[in-house]
Amino acid sequence: MIATSAGACDALAAMADGTLTSERLVGDCLARIDAREAAIGAWAHFDAEAARAAARACDDGARGGPLAGLPVAVKDVF
Protein backbone atom coordinates (compact mmCIF):
# COMPACT_ATOMS: atom_id res chain seq x y z
CA MET A 1 0.00 0.00 0.00
CA ILE A 2 1.24 3.46 -0.84
CA ALA A 3 1.15 5.45 2.38
CA THR A 4 -0.46 8.42 0.63
CA SER A 5 -3.71 6.47 0.28
CA ALA A 6 -4.12 6.47 4.07
CA GLY A 7 -6.02 9.25 5.77
CA ALA A 8 -4.28 11.54 8.21
CA CYS A 9 -5.59 9.71 11.29
CA ASP A 10 -4.55 6.33 9.87
CA ALA A 11 -1.10 7.64 8.97
CA LEU A 12 -0.59 9.12 12.44
CA ALA A 13 -1.72 5.86 14.06
CA ALA A 14 0.67 3.87 11.86
CA MET A 15 3.54 6.19 12.78
CA ALA A 16 2.66 5.85 16.46
CA ASP A 17 2.71 2.04 16.31
CA GLY A 18 5.88 1.94 14.22
CA THR A 19 4.45 0.44 11.03
CA LEU A 20 5.02 3.69 9.09
CA THR A 21 7.72 6.32 9.32
CA SER A 22 7.37 9.97 8.49
CA GLU A 23 10.22 9.57 6.01
CA ARG A 24 8.31 6.81 4.17
CA LEU A 25 5.12 8.87 4.14
CA VAL A 26 6.94 11.94 2.85
CA GLY A 27 8.74 9.81 0.26
CA ASP A 28 5.43 8.44 -0.98
CA CYS A 29 4.00 11.98 -1.14
CA LEU A 30 7.07 13.16 -3.07
CA ALA A 31 6.67 10.29 -5.54
CA ARG A 32 3.02 11.23 -6.06
CA ILE A 33 3.94 14.89 -6.58
CA ASP A 34 6.64 13.88 -9.06
CA ALA A 35 4.16 11.75 -10.99
CA ARG A 36 1.45 14.42 -11.21
CA GLU A 37 3.12 17.84 -11.04
CA ALA A 38 3.73 18.20 -14.77
CA ALA A 39 0.00 17.86 -15.44
CA ILE A 40 -1.25 19.80 -12.42
CA GLY A 41 1.31 22.57 -11.90
CA ALA A 42 0.36 23.06 -8.26
CA TRP A 43 3.70 24.12 -6.78
CA ALA A 44 5.21 27.60 -6.98
CA HIS A 45 7.93 26.53 -4.53
CA PHE A 46 8.78 23.06 -3.38
CA ASP A 47 11.80 21.85 -1.39
CA ALA A 48 11.86 18.06 -1.40
CA GLU A 49 15.12 17.85 0.52
CA ALA A 50 13.77 20.06 3.33
CA ALA A 51 10.67 17.83 3.51
CA ARG A 52 12.86 14.72 3.75
CA ALA A 53 15.06 16.33 6.43
CA ALA A 54 12.03 17.34 8.50
CA ALA A 55 10.63 13.80 8.21
CA ARG A 56 13.94 12.28 9.34
CA ALA A 57 14.00 14.66 12.32
CA CYS A 58 10.51 13.53 13.33
CA ASP A 59 11.51 9.89 12.99
CA ASP A 60 14.60 10.55 15.11
CA GLY A 61 12.46 11.78 17.99
CA ALA A 62 12.07 15.48 17.28
CA ARG A 63 8.30 15.23 17.56
CA GLY A 64 6.62 18.51 18.29
CA GLY A 65 2.99 17.68 18.80
CA PRO A 66 0.13 15.41 17.81
CA LEU A 67 0.50 16.09 14.07
CA ALA A 68 4.31 15.87 13.95
CA GLY A 69 5.52 13.83 11.01
CA LEU A 70 2.41 14.41 8.93
CA PRO A 71 3.17 16.21 5.64
CA VAL A 72 1.07 19.29 4.94
CA ALA A 73 0.83 21.56 1.90
CA VAL A 74 -0.47 25.11 2.17
CA LYS A 75 -2.27 26.87 -0.66
CA ASP A 76 -1.22 30.51 -0.87
CA VAL A 77 -4.25 31.77 -2.79
CA PHE A 78 -7.59 31.42 -1.05
PDB file of N, CA and C in Angstrom:
ATOM      1  N   MET A   1       0.838  -1.191   0.000  1.00  0.00           N
ATOM      2  CA  MET A   1       0.000   0.000   0.000  1.00  0.00           C
ATOM      3  C   MET A   1       0.876   1.244   0.000  1.00  0.00           C
ATOM      4  N   ILE A   2       0.554   2.171  -0.857  1.00  0.00           N
ATOM      5  CA  ILE A   2       1.244   3.456  -0.836  1.00  0.00           C
ATOM      6  C   ILE A   2       0.686   4.241   0.334  1.00  0.00           C
ATOM      7  N   ALA A   3       1.569   4.774   1.152  1.00  0.00           N
ATOM      8  CA  ALA A   3       1.151   5.454   2.376  1.00  0.00           C
ATOM      9  C   ALA A   3       0.251   6.653   2.100  1.00  0.00           C
ATOM     10  N   THR A   4       0.354   7.244   0.916  1.00  0.00           N
ATOM     11  CA  THR A   4      -0.461   8.420   0.632  1.00  0.00           C
ATOM     12  C   THR A   4      -1.937   8.088   0.486  1.00  0.00           C
ATOM     13  N   SER A   5      -2.293   6.821   0.370  1.00  0.00           N
ATOM     14  CA  SER A   5      -3.707   6.473   0.279  1.00  0.00           C
ATOM     15  C   SER A   5      -4.365   6.409   1.655  1.00  0.00           C
ATOM     16  N   ALA A   6      -3.574   6.465   2.708  1.00  0.00           N
ATOM     17  CA  ALA A   6      -4.118   6.469   4.071  1.00  0.00           C
ATOM     18  C   ALA A   6      -4.589   7.877   4.423  1.00  0.00           C
ATOM     19  N   GLY A   7      -5.602   7.954   5.255  1.00  0.00           N
ATOM     20  CA  GLY A   7      -6.024   9.246   5.767  1.00  0.00           C
ATOM     21  C   GLY A   7      -5.052   9.720   6.831  1.00  0.00           C
ATOM     22  N   ALA A   8      -5.184  10.973   7.227  1.00  0.00           N
ATOM     23  CA  ALA A   8      -4.275  11.544   8.213  1.00  0.00           C
ATOM     24  C   ALA A   8      -4.311  10.779   9.527  1.00  0.00           C
ATOM     25  N   CYS A   9      -5.489  10.436  10.010  1.00  0.00           N
ATOM     26  CA  CYS A   9      -5.594   9.705  11.285  1.00  0.00           C
ATOM     27  C   CYS A   9      -4.948   8.334  11.187  1.00  0.00           C
ATOM     28  N   ASP A  10      -5.160   7.641  10.062  1.00  0.00           N
ATOM     29  CA  ASP A  10      -4.553   6.333   9.874  1.00  0.00           C
ATOM     30  C   ASP A  10      -3.035   6.443   9.786  1.00  0.00           C
ATOM     31  N   ALA A  11      -2.552   7.453   9.092  1.00  0.00           N
ATOM     32  CA  ALA A  11      -1.105   7.643   8.971  1.00  0.00           C
ATOM     33  C   ALA A  11      -0.484   7.938  10.332  1.00  0.00           C
ATOM     34  N   LEU A  12      -1.112   8.809  11.103  1.00  0.00           N
ATOM     35  CA  LEU A  12      -0.594   9.119  12.439  1.00  0.00           C
ATOM     36  C   LEU A  12      -0.599   7.896  13.339  1.00  0.00           C
ATOM     37  N   ALA A  13      -1.648   7.087  13.258  1.00  0.00           N
ATOM     38  CA  ALA A  13      -1.716   5.859  14.062  1.00  0.00           C
ATOM     39  C   ALA A  13      -0.618   4.883  13.647  1.00  0.00           C
ATOM     40  N   ALA A  14      -0.372   4.767  12.346  1.00  0.00           N
ATOM     41  CA  ALA A  14       0.671   3.868  11.863  1.00  0.00           C
ATOM     42  C   ALA A  14       2.057   4.355  12.286  1.00  0.00           C
ATOM     43  N   MET A  15       2.261   5.666  12.301  1.00  0.00           N
ATOM     44  CA  MET A  15       3.538   6.191  12.776  1.00  0.00           C
ATOM     45  C   MET A  15       3.686   5.944  14.272  1.00  0.00           C
ATOM     46  N   ALA A  16       2.607   6.078  15.006  1.00  0.00           N
ATOM     47  CA  ALA A  16       2.659   5.855  16.455  1.00  0.00           C
ATOM     48  C   ALA A  16       2.968   4.406  16.794  1.00  0.00           C
ATOM     49  N   ASP A  17       2.445   3.457  15.996  1.00  0.00           N
ATOM     50  CA  ASP A  17       2.706   2.044  16.308  1.00  0.00           C
ATOM     51  C   ASP A  17       3.934   1.486  15.593  1.00  0.00           C
ATOM     52  N   GLY A  18       4.614   2.335  14.830  1.00  0.00           N
ATOM     53  CA  GLY A  18       5.879   1.938  14.223  1.00  0.00           C
ATOM     54  C   GLY A  18       5.777   1.226  12.889  1.00  0.00           C
ATOM     55  N   THR A  19       4.578   1.122  12.322  1.00  0.00           N
ATOM     56  CA  THR A  19       4.446   0.443  11.029  1.00  0.00           C
ATOM     57  C   THR A  19       4.656   1.392   9.849  1.00  0.00           C
ATOM     58  N   LEU A  20       4.777   2.673  10.122  1.00  0.00           N
ATOM     59  CA  LEU A  20       5.020   3.687   9.092  1.00  0.00           C
ATOM     60  C   LEU A  20       5.945   4.737   9.689  1.00  0.00           C
ATOM     61  N   THR A  21       6.877   5.215   8.887  1.00  0.00           N
ATOM     62  CA  THR A  21       7.724   6.320   9.320  1.00  0.00           C
ATOM     63  C   THR A  21       7.307   7.579   8.580  1.00  0.00           C
ATOM     64  N   SER A  22       7.633   8.702   9.157  1.00  0.00           N
ATOM     65  CA  SER A  22       7.370   9.968   8.491  1.00  0.00           C
ATOM     66  C   SER A  22       8.168  10.043   7.190  1.00  0.00           C
ATOM     67  N   GLU A  23       9.393   9.537   7.218  1.00  0.00           N
ATOM     68  CA  GLU A  23      10.216   9.568   6.010  1.00  0.00           C
ATOM     69  C   GLU A  23       9.577   8.759   4.885  1.00  0.00           C
ATOM     70  N   ARG A  24       9.002   7.620   5.196  1.00  0.00           N
ATOM     71  CA  ARG A  24       8.313   6.811   4.169  1.00  0.00           C
ATOM     72  C   ARG A  24       7.089   7.548   3.645  1.00  0.00           C
ATOM     73  N   LEU A  25       6.316   8.137   4.551  1.00  0.00           N
ATOM     74  CA  LEU A  25       5.120   8.872   4.142  1.00  0.00           C
ATOM     75  C   LEU A  25       5.490  10.049   3.254  1.00  0.00           C
ATOM     76  N   VAL A  26       6.487  10.807   3.659  1.00  0.00           N
ATOM     77  CA  VAL A  26       6.936  11.944   2.850  1.00  0.00           C
ATOM     78  C   VAL A  26       7.473  11.447   1.511  1.00  0.00           C
ATOM     79  N   GLY A  27       8.229  10.362   1.518  1.00  0.00           N
ATOM     80  CA  GLY A  27       8.744   9.807   0.264  1.00  0.00           C
ATOM     81  C   GLY A  27       7.627   9.415  -0.682  1.00  0.00           C
ATOM     82  N   ASP A  28       6.579   8.812  -0.149  1.00  0.00           N
ATOM     83  CA  ASP A  28       5.428   8.444  -0.978  1.00  0.00           C
ATOM     84  C   ASP A  28       4.720   9.690  -1.517  1.00  0.00           C
ATOM     85  N   CYS A  29       4.605  10.719  -0.685  1.00  0.00           N
ATOM     86  CA  CYS A  29       4.000  11.979  -1.142  1.00  0.00           C
ATOM     87  C   CYS A  29       4.851  12.614  -2.243  1.00  0.00           C
ATOM     88  N   LEU A  30       6.167  12.602  -2.060  1.00  0.00           N
ATOM     89  CA  LEU A  30       7.066  13.163  -3.072  1.00  0.00           C
ATOM     90  C   LEU A  30       6.954  12.406  -4.388  1.00  0.00           C
ATOM     91  N   ALA A  31       6.827  11.094  -4.316  1.00  0.00           N
ATOM     92  CA  ALA A  31       6.668  10.295  -5.535  1.00  0.00           C
ATOM     93  C   ALA A  31       5.362  10.651  -6.247  1.00  0.00           C
ATOM     94  N   ARG A  32       4.311  10.854  -5.477  1.00  0.00           N
ATOM     95  CA  ARG A  32       3.017  11.232  -6.063  1.00  0.00           C
ATOM     96  C   ARG A  32       3.095  12.613  -6.708  1.00  0.00           C
ATOM     97  N   ILE A  33       3.761  13.543  -6.017  1.00  0.00           N
ATOM     98  CA  ILE A  33       3.938  14.887  -6.576  1.00  0.00           C
ATOM     99  C   ILE A  33       4.721  14.796  -7.877  1.00  0.00           C
ATOM    100  N   ASP A  34       5.805  14.034  -7.867  1.00  0.00           N
ATOM    101  CA  ASP A  34       6.639  13.878  -9.063  1.00  0.00           C
ATOM    102  C   ASP A  34       5.836  13.309 -10.227  1.00  0.00           C
ATOM    103  N   ALA A  35       4.954  12.379  -9.942  1.00  0.00           N
ATOM    104  CA  ALA A  35       4.155  11.747 -10.992  1.00  0.00           C
ATOM    105  C   ALA A  35       3.091  12.671 -11.565  1.00  0.00           C
ATOM    106  N   ARG A  36       2.592  13.610 -10.776  1.00  0.00           N
ATOM    107  CA  ARG A  36       1.446  14.421 -11.208  1.00  0.00           C
ATOM    108  C   ARG A  36       1.749  15.903 -11.457  1.00  0.00           C
ATOM    109  N   GLU A  37       2.878  16.397 -10.979  1.00  0.00           N
ATOM    110  CA  GLU A  37       3.124  17.840 -11.037  1.00  0.00           C
ATOM    111  C   GLU A  37       3.144  18.406 -12.447  1.00  0.00           C
ATOM    112  N   ALA A  38       3.681  17.687 -13.400  1.00  0.00           N
ATOM    113  CA  ALA A  38       3.730  18.200 -14.771  1.00  0.00           C
ATOM    114  C   ALA A  38       2.331  18.491 -15.311  1.00  0.00           C
ATOM    115  N   ALA A  39       1.361  17.667 -14.965  1.00  0.00           N
ATOM    116  CA  ALA A  39      -0.005  17.860 -15.442  1.00  0.00           C
ATOM    117  C   ALA A  39      -0.777  18.878 -14.615  1.00  0.00           C
ATOM    118  N   ILE A  40      -0.460  18.963 -13.319  1.00  0.00           N
ATOM    119  CA  ILE A  40      -1.245  19.803 -12.422  1.00  0.00           C
ATOM    120  C   ILE A  40      -0.644  21.192 -12.251  1.00  0.00           C
ATOM    121  N   GLY A  41       0.648  21.279 -12.077  1.00  0.00           N
ATOM    122  CA  GLY A  41       1.315  22.566 -11.896  1.00  0.00           C
ATOM    123  C   GLY A  41       0.908  23.267 -10.614  1.00  0.00           C
ATOM    124  N   ALA A  42       0.860  22.528  -9.516  1.00  0.00           N
ATOM    125  CA  ALA A  42       0.356  23.065  -8.256  1.00  0.00           C
ATOM    126  C   ALA A  42       1.393  23.813  -7.431  1.00  0.00           C
ATOM    127  N   TRP A  43       2.666  23.607  -7.687  1.00  0.00           N
ATOM    128  CA  TRP A  43       3.702  24.118  -6.782  1.00  0.00           C
ATOM    129  C   TRP A  43       4.422  25.328  -7.367  1.00  0.00           C
ATOM    130  N   ALA A  44       4.391  26.437  -6.637  1.00  0.00           N
ATOM    131  CA  ALA A  44       5.206  27.603  -6.984  1.00  0.00           C
ATOM    132  C   ALA A  44       6.600  27.432  -6.383  1.00  0.00           C
ATOM    133  N   HIS A  45       6.656  26.834  -5.197  1.00  0.00           N
ATOM    134  CA  HIS A  45       7.929  26.534  -4.531  1.00  0.00           C
ATOM    135  C   HIS A  45       7.790  25.189  -3.842  1.00  0.00           C
ATOM    136  N   PHE A  46       8.825  24.380  -3.991  1.00  0.00           N
ATOM    137  CA  PHE A  46       8.780  23.059  -3.384  1.00  0.00           C
ATOM    138  C   PHE A  46      10.199  22.634  -3.070  1.00  0.00           C
ATOM    139  N   ASP A  47      10.458  22.254  -1.827  1.00  0.00           N
ATOM    140  CA  ASP A  47      11.797  21.849  -1.391  1.00  0.00           C
ATOM    141  C   ASP A  47      11.743  20.421  -0.867  1.00  0.00           C
ATOM    142  N   ALA A  48      11.950  19.475  -1.756  1.00  0.00           N
ATOM    143  CA  ALA A  48      11.855  18.063  -1.403  1.00  0.00           C
ATOM    144  C   ALA A  48      12.886  17.675  -0.351  1.00  0.00           C
ATOM    145  N   GLU A  49      14.087  18.213  -0.445  1.00  0.00           N
ATOM    146  CA  GLU A  49      15.124  17.854   0.524  1.00  0.00           C
ATOM    147  C   GLU A  49      14.783  18.372   1.920  1.00  0.00           C
ATOM    148  N   ALA A  50      14.194  19.549   2.016  1.00  0.00           N
ATOM    149  CA  ALA A  50      13.767  20.064   3.327  1.00  0.00           C
ATOM    150  C   ALA A  50      12.655  19.196   3.901  1.00  0.00           C
ATOM    151  N   ALA A  51      11.751  18.726   3.050  1.00  0.00           N
ATOM    152  CA  ALA A  51      10.674  17.834   3.507  1.00  0.00           C
ATOM    153  C   ALA A  51      11.250  16.523   4.028  1.00  0.00           C
ATOM    154  N   ARG A  52      12.218  15.969   3.297  1.00  0.00           N
ATOM    155  CA  ARG A  52      12.857  14.723   3.747  1.00  0.00           C
ATOM    156  C   ARG A  52      13.599  14.927   5.071  1.00  0.00           C
ATOM    157  N   ALA A  53      14.305  16.043   5.201  1.00  0.00           N
ATOM    158  CA  ALA A  53      15.059  16.327   6.426  1.00  0.00           C
ATOM    159  C   ALA A  53      14.121  16.485   7.616  1.00  0.00           C
ATOM    160  N   ALA A  54      13.005  17.164   7.415  1.00  0.00           N
ATOM    161  CA  ALA A  54      12.030  17.337   8.500  1.00  0.00           C
ATOM    162  C   ALA A  54      11.429  15.987   8.896  1.00  0.00           C
ATOM    163  N   ALA A  55      11.176  15.135   7.927  1.00  0.00           N
ATOM    164  CA  ALA A  55      10.628  13.802   8.210  1.00  0.00           C
ATOM    165  C   ALA A  55      11.630  12.973   9.008  1.00  0.00           C
ATOM    166  N   ARG A  56      12.906  13.019   8.599  1.00  0.00           N
ATOM    167  CA  ARG A  56      13.935  12.278   9.340  1.00  0.00           C
ATOM    168  C   ARG A  56      14.032  12.781  10.780  1.00  0.00           C
ATOM    169  N   ALA A  57      13.931  14.095  10.969  1.00  0.00           N
ATOM    170  CA  ALA A  57      13.999  14.658  12.323  1.00  0.00           C
ATOM    171  C   ALA A  57      12.845  14.150  13.172  1.00  0.00           C
ATOM    172  N   CYS A  58      11.663  14.074  12.596  1.00  0.00           N
ATOM    173  CA  CYS A  58      10.512  13.535  13.334  1.00  0.00           C
ATOM    174  C   CYS A  58      10.736  12.072  13.689  1.00  0.00           C
ATOM    175  N   ASP A  59      11.254  11.316  12.742  1.00  0.00           N
ATOM    176  CA  ASP A  59      11.506   9.894  12.990  1.00  0.00           C
ATOM    177  C   ASP A  59      12.596   9.685  14.037  1.00  0.00           C
ATOM    178  N   ASP A  60      13.503  10.652  14.148  1.00  0.00           N
ATOM    179  CA  ASP A  60      14.599  10.555  15.111  1.00  0.00           C
ATOM    180  C   ASP A  60      14.216  11.073  16.492  1.00  0.00           C
ATOM    181  N   GLY A  61      12.936  11.396  16.675  1.00  0.00           N
ATOM    182  CA  GLY A  61      12.462  11.780  17.993  1.00  0.00           C
ATOM    183  C   GLY A  61      12.187  13.248  18.185  1.00  0.00           C
ATOM    184  N   ALA A  62      12.313  14.043  17.148  1.00  0.00           N
ATOM    185  CA  ALA A  62      12.068  15.478  17.277  1.00  0.00           C
ATOM    186  C   ALA A  62      10.587  15.795  17.082  1.00  0.00           C
ATOM    187  N   ARG A  63       9.747  15.004  17.694  1.00  0.00           N
ATOM    188  CA  ARG A  63       8.298  15.225  17.560  1.00  0.00           C
ATOM    189  C   ARG A  63       7.903  16.493  18.307  1.00  0.00           C
ATOM    190  N   GLY A  64       7.006  17.247  17.704  1.00  0.00           N
ATOM    191  CA  GLY A  64       6.623  18.513  18.288  1.00  0.00           C
ATOM    192  C   GLY A  64       5.162  18.627  18.633  1.00  0.00           C
ATOM    193  N   GLY A  65       4.410  17.595  18.508  1.00  0.00           N
ATOM    194  CA  GLY A  65       2.989  17.678  18.805  1.00  0.00           C
ATOM    195  C   GLY A  65       2.240  16.536  18.159  1.00  0.00           C
ATOM    196  N   PRO A  66       0.930  16.555  18.282  1.00  0.00           N
ATOM    197  CA  PRO A  66       0.128  15.414  17.815  1.00  0.00           C
ATOM    198  C   PRO A  66       0.138  15.207  16.300  1.00  0.00           C
ATOM    199  N   LEU A  67       0.475  16.222  15.528  1.00  0.00           N
ATOM    200  CA  LEU A  67       0.501  16.086  14.069  1.00  0.00           C
ATOM    201  C   LEU A  67       1.923  16.000  13.521  1.00  0.00           C
ATOM    202  N   ALA A  68       2.918  15.925  14.388  1.00  0.00           N
ATOM    203  CA  ALA A  68       4.311  15.866  13.953  1.00  0.00           C
ATOM    204  C   ALA A  68       4.532  14.667  13.055  1.00  0.00           C
ATOM    205  N   GLY A  69       5.228  14.893  11.961  1.00  0.00           N
ATOM    206  CA  GLY A  69       5.524  13.834  11.008  1.00  0.00           C
ATOM    207  C   GLY A  69       4.540  13.736   9.869  1.00  0.00           C
ATOM    208  N   LEU A  70       3.436  14.448   9.967  1.00  0.00           N
ATOM    209  CA  LEU A  70       2.407  14.413   8.933  1.00  0.00           C
ATOM    210  C   LEU A  70       2.678  15.521   7.912  1.00  0.00           C
ATOM    211  N   PRO A  71       2.911  15.173   6.642  1.00  0.00           N
ATOM    212  CA  PRO A  71       3.168  16.208   5.637  1.00  0.00           C
ATOM    213  C   PRO A  71       1.930  17.065   5.383  1.00  0.00           C
ATOM    214  N   VAL A  72       2.161  18.355   5.190  1.00  0.00           N
ATOM    215  CA  VAL A  72       1.068  19.294   4.937  1.00  0.00           C
ATOM    216  C   VAL A  72       1.491  20.256   3.831  1.00  0.00           C
ATOM    217  N   ALA A  73       0.599  20.545   2.922  1.00  0.00           N
ATOM    218  CA  ALA A  73       0.828  21.557   1.900  1.00  0.00           C
ATOM    219  C   ALA A  73      -0.125  22.716   2.168  1.00  0.00           C
ATOM    220  N   VAL A  74       0.342  23.923   1.918  1.00  0.00           N
ATOM    221  CA  VAL A  74      -0.466  25.110   2.168  1.00  0.00           C
ATOM    222  C   VAL A  74      -0.670  25.859   0.861  1.00  0.00           C
ATOM    223  N   LYS A  75      -1.925  26.094   0.535  1.00  0.00           N
ATOM    224  CA  LYS A  75      -2.275  26.868  -0.662  1.00  0.00           C
ATOM    225  C   LYS A  75      -2.145  28.334  -0.323  1.00  0.00           C
ATOM    226  N   ASP A  76      -1.453  29.108  -1.173  1.00  0.00           N
ATOM    227  CA  ASP A  76      -1.218  30.506  -0.865  1.00  0.00           C
ATOM    228  C   ASP A  76      -2.269  31.455  -1.432  1.00  0.00           C
ATOM    229  N   VAL A  77      -3.192  30.944  -2.226  1.00  0.00           N
ATOM    230  CA  VAL A  77      -4.248  31.771  -2.791  1.00  0.00           C
ATOM    231  C   VAL A  77      -5.593  31.180  -2.350  1.00  0.00           C
ATOM    232  N   PHE A  78      -6.321  31.933  -1.567  1.00  0.00           N
ATOM    233  CA  PHE A  78      -7.594  31.423  -1.050  1.00  0.00           C
ATOM    234  C   PHE A  78      -8.753  32.131  -1.708  1.00  0.00           C
TER     235      PHE A  78
END
